[in-house]
C-alpha atoms as a PDB file:
ATOM      1  CA  MET A   1       1.643  26.873   8.667  1.00  0.00           C
ATOM      2  CA  LEU A   2      -1.705  27.030   9.313  1.00  0.00           C
ATOM      3  CA  ALA A   3      -1.704  26.007  12.997  1.00  0.00           C
ATOM      4  CA  ASN A   4       0.818  28.388  14.923  1.00  0.00           C
ATOM      5  CA  ARG A   5      -1.874  29.889  16.432  1.00  0.00           C
ATOM      6  CA  LEU A   6      -2.975  26.689  18.152  1.00  0.00           C
ATOM      7  CA  LEU A   7       0.723  25.423  18.939  1.00  0.00           C
ATOM      8  CA  VAL A   8       1.090  28.328  20.539  1.00  0.00           C
ATOM      9  CA  SER A   9      -1.977  27.926  22.783  1.00  0.00           C
ATOM     10  CA  ILE A  10      -0.740  24.688  23.783  1.00  0.00           C
ATOM     11  CA  GLU A  11       2.489  25.130  24.285  1.00  0.00           C
ATOM     12  CA  THR A  12       1.610  28.269  25.857  1.00  0.00           C
ATOM     13  CA  ASP A  13      -0.681  26.201  28.164  1.00  0.00           C
ATOM     14  CA  TRP A  14       2.035  22.929  28.805  1.00  0.00           C
ATOM     15  CA  GLU A  15       1.279  22.954  32.470  1.00  0.00           C
ATOM     16  CA  LYS A  16      -2.756  22.521  32.238  1.00  0.00           C
ATOM     17  CA  ILE A  17      -2.252  20.048  30.039  1.00  0.00           C
ATOM     18  CA  ALA A  18       0.823  17.474  32.143  1.00  0.00           C
ATOM     19  CA  THR A  19      -1.152  18.196  35.086  1.00  0.00           C
ATOM     20  CA  ASP A  20      -4.151  16.278  32.793  1.00  0.00           C
ATOM     21  CA  VAL A  21      -1.421  13.543  31.879  1.00  0.00           C
ATOM     22  CA  ILE A  22      -0.920  13.278  35.900  1.00  0.00           C
ATOM     23  CA  LYS A  23      -4.397  13.151  36.881  1.00  0.00           C
ATOM     24  CA  GLN A  24      -4.784  10.454  34.273  1.00  0.00           C
ATOM     25  CA  LEU A  25      -1.450   8.466  35.152  1.00  0.00           C
ATOM     26  CA  ARG A  26      -2.569   8.616  39.134  1.00  0.00           C
ATOM     27  CA  ARG A  27      -5.305   6.656  38.273  1.00  0.00           C
ATOM     28  CA  ASP A  28      -4.863   4.687  35.108  1.00  0.00           C
ATOM     29  CA  GLN A  29      -3.792   0.696  35.576  1.00  0.00           C
ATOM     30  CA  ALA A  30      -2.245   0.625  32.652  1.00  0.00           C
ATOM     31  CA  ALA A  31       0.510   3.270  33.892  1.00  0.00           C
ATOM     32  CA  GLY A  32       2.507   1.141  36.467  1.00  0.00           C
ATOM     33  CA  PHE A  33       5.627   2.661  36.657  1.00  0.00           C
ATOM     34  CA  TYR A  34       4.516   5.979  35.755  1.00  0.00           C
ATOM     35  CA  ARG A  35       2.064   5.892  38.719  1.00  0.00           C
ATOM     36  CA  ASN A  36       5.040   5.506  40.910  1.00  0.00           C
ATOM     37  CA  LEU A  37       6.634   8.483  40.138  1.00  0.00           C
ATOM     38  CA  PRO A  38       6.886  11.705  41.555  1.00  0.00           C
ATOM     39  CA  GLU A  39       4.499  14.155  40.146  1.00  0.00           C
ATOM     40  CA  ASP A  40       7.777  16.899  39.249  1.00  0.00           C
ATOM     41  CA  GLU A  41       9.640  13.843  37.428  1.00  0.00           C
ATOM     42  CA  ILE A  42       6.329  13.482  35.049  1.00  0.00           C
ATOM     43  CA  ARG A  43       5.538  17.128  34.588  1.00  0.00           C
ATOM     44  CA  GLU A  44       8.775  18.032  33.255  1.00  0.00           C
ATOM     45  CA  ARG A  45       9.044  14.899  30.989  1.00  0.00           C
ATOM     46  CA  ALA A  46       6.161  16.065  29.737  1.00  0.00           C
ATOM     47  CA  ARG A  47       7.234  19.600  29.867  1.00  0.00           C
ATOM     48  CA  GLU A  48       9.797  18.595  27.412  1.00  0.00           C
ATOM     49  CA  LEU A  49       7.450  16.906  24.723  1.00  0.00           C
ATOM     50  CA  ILE A  50       4.854  19.904  24.624  1.00  0.00           C
ATOM     51  CA  LYS A  51       7.171  23.024  25.387  1.00  0.00           C
ATOM     52  CA  ASN A  52       8.583  22.329  21.917  1.00  0.00           C
ATOM     53  CA  LEU A  53       5.998  20.791  20.209  1.00  0.00           C
ATOM     54  CA  SER A  54       6.630  23.235  16.806  1.00  0.00           C
ATOM     55  CA  HIS A  55       9.918  22.481  16.776  1.00  0.00           C
ATOM     56  CA  TRP A  56       9.209  18.843  16.950  1.00  0.00           C
ATOM     57  CA  LEU A  57       6.510  19.201  14.510  1.00  0.00           C
ATOM     58  CA  ASP A  58       9.146  20.712  11.740  1.00  0.00           C
ATOM     59  CA  ALA A  59       9.290  17.655   9.271  1.00  0.00           C
ATOM     60  CA  GLN A  60      13.031  18.862   9.284  1.00  0.00           C
ATOM     61  CA  ASN A  61      13.582  17.489  13.026  1.00  0.00           C
ATOM     62  CA  ASP A  62      12.918  14.028  12.012  1.00  0.00           C
ATOM     63  CA  ALA A  63      15.934  12.702  12.480  1.00  0.00           C
ATOM     64  CA  ALA A  64      17.051  14.593  15.901  1.00  0.00           C
ATOM     65  CA  LEU A  65      12.870  13.902  16.971  1.00  0.00           C
ATOM     66  CA  LYS A  66      14.288  10.050  16.063  1.00  0.00           C
ATOM     67  CA  ALA A  67      17.427   9.705  17.165  1.00  0.00           C
ATOM     68  CA  ARG A  68      16.570  11.762  20.829  1.00  0.00           C
ATOM     69  CA  TYR A  69      13.263   9.210  21.604  1.00  0.00           C
ATOM     70  CA  GLU A  70      15.291   5.923  20.904  1.00  0.00           C
ATOM     71  CA  GLU A  71      17.596   7.032  23.007  1.00  0.00           C
ATOM     72  CA  LEU A  72      14.665   7.410  25.825  1.00  0.00           C
ATOM     73  CA  GLY A  73      13.327   3.891  24.604  1.00  0.00           C
ATOM     74  CA  ARG A  74      17.374   2.628  25.263  1.00  0.00           C
ATOM     75  CA  ARG A  75      16.971   4.162  28.662  1.00  0.00           C
ATOM     76  CA  ARG A  76      13.438   3.301  29.622  1.00  0.00           C
ATOM     77  CA  PHE A  77      14.647  -0.164  28.908  1.00  0.00           C
ATOM     78  CA  GLN A  78      17.779   0.004  30.783  1.00  0.00           C
ATOM     79  CA  GLN A  79      15.118   1.091  33.960  1.00  0.00           C
ATOM     80  CA  GLY A  80      13.147  -1.654  33.362  1.00  0.00           C
ATOM     81  CA  VAL A  81       9.779   0.393  32.342  1.00  0.00           C
ATOM     82  CA  PRO A  82       7.810  -2.031  30.352  1.00  0.00           C
ATOM     83  CA  LEU A  83       7.729  -1.083  26.518  1.00  0.00           C
ATOM     84  CA  ASP A  84       4.210  -0.438  27.026  1.00  0.00           C
ATOM     85  CA  GLU A  85       3.843   2.039  29.874  1.00  0.00           C
ATOM     86  CA  VAL A  86       6.568   3.939  27.657  1.00  0.00           C
ATOM     87  CA  GLN A  87       4.295   4.088  24.889  1.00  0.00           C
ATOM     88  CA  HIS A  88       1.282   4.180  26.509  1.00  0.00           C
ATOM     89  CA  LYS A  89       2.605   7.261  27.996  1.00  0.00           C
ATOM     90  CA  ILE A  90       3.592   8.724  24.774  1.00  0.00           C
ATOM     91  CA  LEU A  91       0.109   8.532  23.786  1.00  0.00           C
ATOM     92  CA  LEU A  92      -1.331   9.735  26.703  1.00  0.00           C
ATOM     93  CA  ILE A  93      -0.151  12.983  26.121  1.00  0.00           C
ATOM     94  CA  LYS A  94      -0.659  13.137  22.138  1.00  0.00           C
ATOM     95  CA  ARG A  95      -4.197  12.404  23.362  1.00  0.00           C
ATOM     96  CA  LYS A  96      -4.244  15.523  25.980  1.00  0.00           C
ATOM     97  CA  ILE A  97      -2.740  17.487  23.381  1.00  0.00           C
ATOM     98  CA  ARG A  98      -5.070  16.649  21.419  1.00  0.00           C
ATOM     99  CA  SER A  99      -8.547  17.002  23.458  1.00  0.00           C
ATOM    100  CA  HIS A 100      -6.694  20.522  24.931  1.00  0.00           C
ATOM    101  CA  ALA A 101      -6.641  21.486  20.870  1.00  0.00           C
ATOM    102  CA  MET A 102     -10.110  20.591  20.374  1.00  0.00           C
ATOM    103  CA  ASN A 103     -11.237  22.405  23.378  1.00  0.00           C
ATOM    104  CA  LEU A 104     -10.007  25.754  22.139  1.00  0.00           C
ATOM    105  CA  ASN A 105     -11.521  25.338  18.312  1.00  0.00           C
ATOM    106  CA  LEU A 106     -15.328  25.013  20.396  1.00  0.00           C
ATOM    107  CA  ASP A 107     -16.380  27.451  18.405  1.00  0.00           C
ATOM    108  CA  ALA A 108     -14.493  27.517  15.622  1.00  0.00           C
ATOM    109  CA  GLY A 109     -15.450  28.515  12.099  1.00  0.00           C
ATOM    110  CA  PRO A 110     -14.100  27.071   8.483  1.00  0.00           C
ATOM    111  CA  LEU A 111     -10.238  27.972   9.152  1.00  0.00           C
ATOM    112  CA  GLN A 112      -9.791  27.125  12.505  1.00  0.00           C
ATOM    113  CA  LEU A 113     -11.399  23.699  11.939  1.00  0.00           C
ATOM    114  CA  HIS A 114      -8.833  23.751   8.847  1.00  0.00           C
ATOM    115  CA  GLN A 115      -6.153  24.777  11.569  1.00  0.00           C
ATOM    116  CA  GLU A 116      -7.029  22.000  14.208  1.00  0.00           C
ATOM    117  CA  LEU A 117      -6.909  19.429  11.386  1.00  0.00           C
ATOM    118  CA  GLU A 118      -3.391  20.478   9.926  1.00  0.00           C
ATOM    119  CA  LEU A 119      -2.589  20.526  13.841  1.00  0.00           C
ATOM    120  CA  LEU A 120      -4.244  16.967  14.223  1.00  0.00           C
ATOM    121  CA  ARG A 121      -1.823  15.546  10.972  1.00  0.00           C
ATOM    122  CA  LEU A 122       1.492  16.920  11.731  1.00  0.00           C
ATOM    123  CA  MET A 123       0.831  15.329  15.552  1.00  0.00           C
ATOM    124  CA  ALA A 124       0.736  12.276  14.134  1.00  0.00           C
ATOM    125  CA  HIS A 125       3.681  12.713  11.949  1.00  0.00           C
ATOM    126  CA  CYS A 126       5.669  13.432  15.073  1.00  0.00           C
ATOM    127  CA  PHE A 127       3.539  10.840  17.453  1.00  0.00           C
ATOM    128  CA  ASP A 128       4.031   7.756  14.900  1.00  0.00           C
ATOM    129  CA  ILE A 129       8.170   8.426  15.043  1.00  0.00           C
ATOM    130  CA  ILE A 130       8.301   8.882  18.701  1.00  0.00           C
ATOM    131  CA  VAL A 131       6.106   6.068  19.378  1.00  0.00           C
ATOM    132  CA  CYS A 132       8.438   3.994  16.553  1.00  0.00           C
ATOM    133  CA  ALA A 133      11.707   5.471  17.708  1.00  0.00           C
ATOM    134  CA  VAL A 134      11.473   4.425  21.093  1.00  0.00           C
ATOM    135  CA  ALA A 135      10.431   0.527  20.192  1.00  0.00           C
ATOM    136  CA  LYS A 136      14.111   0.872  18.263  1.00  0.00           C
ATOM    137  CA  GLY A 137      15.630   1.730  20.645  1.00  0.00           C
ATOM    138  CA  TYR A 138      14.461  -0.037  23.554  1.00  0.00           C
ATOM    139  CA  ILE A 139      14.481  -3.181  21.595  1.00  0.00           C
ATOM    140  CA  ASP A 140      17.916  -2.464  20.181  1.00  0.00           C
ATOM    141  CA  ALA A 141      18.749  -2.344  24.119  1.00  0.00           C
ATOM    142  CA  MET A 142      16.991  -5.535  24.291  1.00  0.00           C
ATOM    143  CA  ARG A 143      18.807  -7.244  21.962  1.00  0.00           C
ATOM    144  CA  ARG A 144      22.332  -6.009  23.047  1.00  0.00           C
ATOM    145  CA  GLU A 145      21.669  -7.032  26.806  1.00  0.00           C
ATOM    146  CA  ALA A 146      20.700 -10.539  25.031  1.00  0.00           C
ATOM    147  CA  ILE A 147      23.964 -10.607  23.240  1.00  0.00           C
ATOM    148  CA  MET A 148      26.117 -10.090  26.542  1.00  0.00           C
ATOM    149  CA  GLN A 149      24.727 -12.369  28.551  1.00  0.00           C
ATOM    150  CA  ALA A 150      24.483 -15.000  25.998  1.00  0.00           C
ATOM    151  CA  LEU A 151      28.701 -14.451  25.589  1.00  0.00           C
ATOM    152  CA  GLU A 152      28.748 -14.712  29.271  1.00  0.00           C
ATOM    153  CA  GLU A 153      26.883 -17.809  29.191  1.00  0.00           C
ATOM    154  CA  SER A 154      29.164 -18.996  26.051  1.00  0.00           C
ATOM    155  CA  THR A 155      32.294 -18.045  28.166  1.00  0.00           C
ATOM    156  CA  ALA A 156      31.454 -19.614  31.460  1.00  0.00           C
END
């Protein structure tokens, strides 16, 4: 993969990217639930995704990626986090990774620009799966809860 150089830099610089995510979440009114989470918790969640980015970008891991983020969607529903806020945070991480990659390539030549484009293409695929999987897990949990409530009401 041509983008390996950028991936190594991104995974190595995960703390800087996570710090940028935290700063943005603290300023962002749309972040809601995440604005009140302790920094350590946000940092750990960002670390999990950023530090393992090369693993998740491998198409052979799409099923595992989907399963992991469907579970995250179910957990966020149980925690009462609005789905749009979950997706907002995920896409914020994506934007911060993309910005970091672009900053690494400010003086890039043709090969480095090609590497960046490859990384952006792979990230688009990966984050599409993540956002859709979170929504699926969230909505599945919401439906299950609605069915359980309907059953309870019908037997009451």
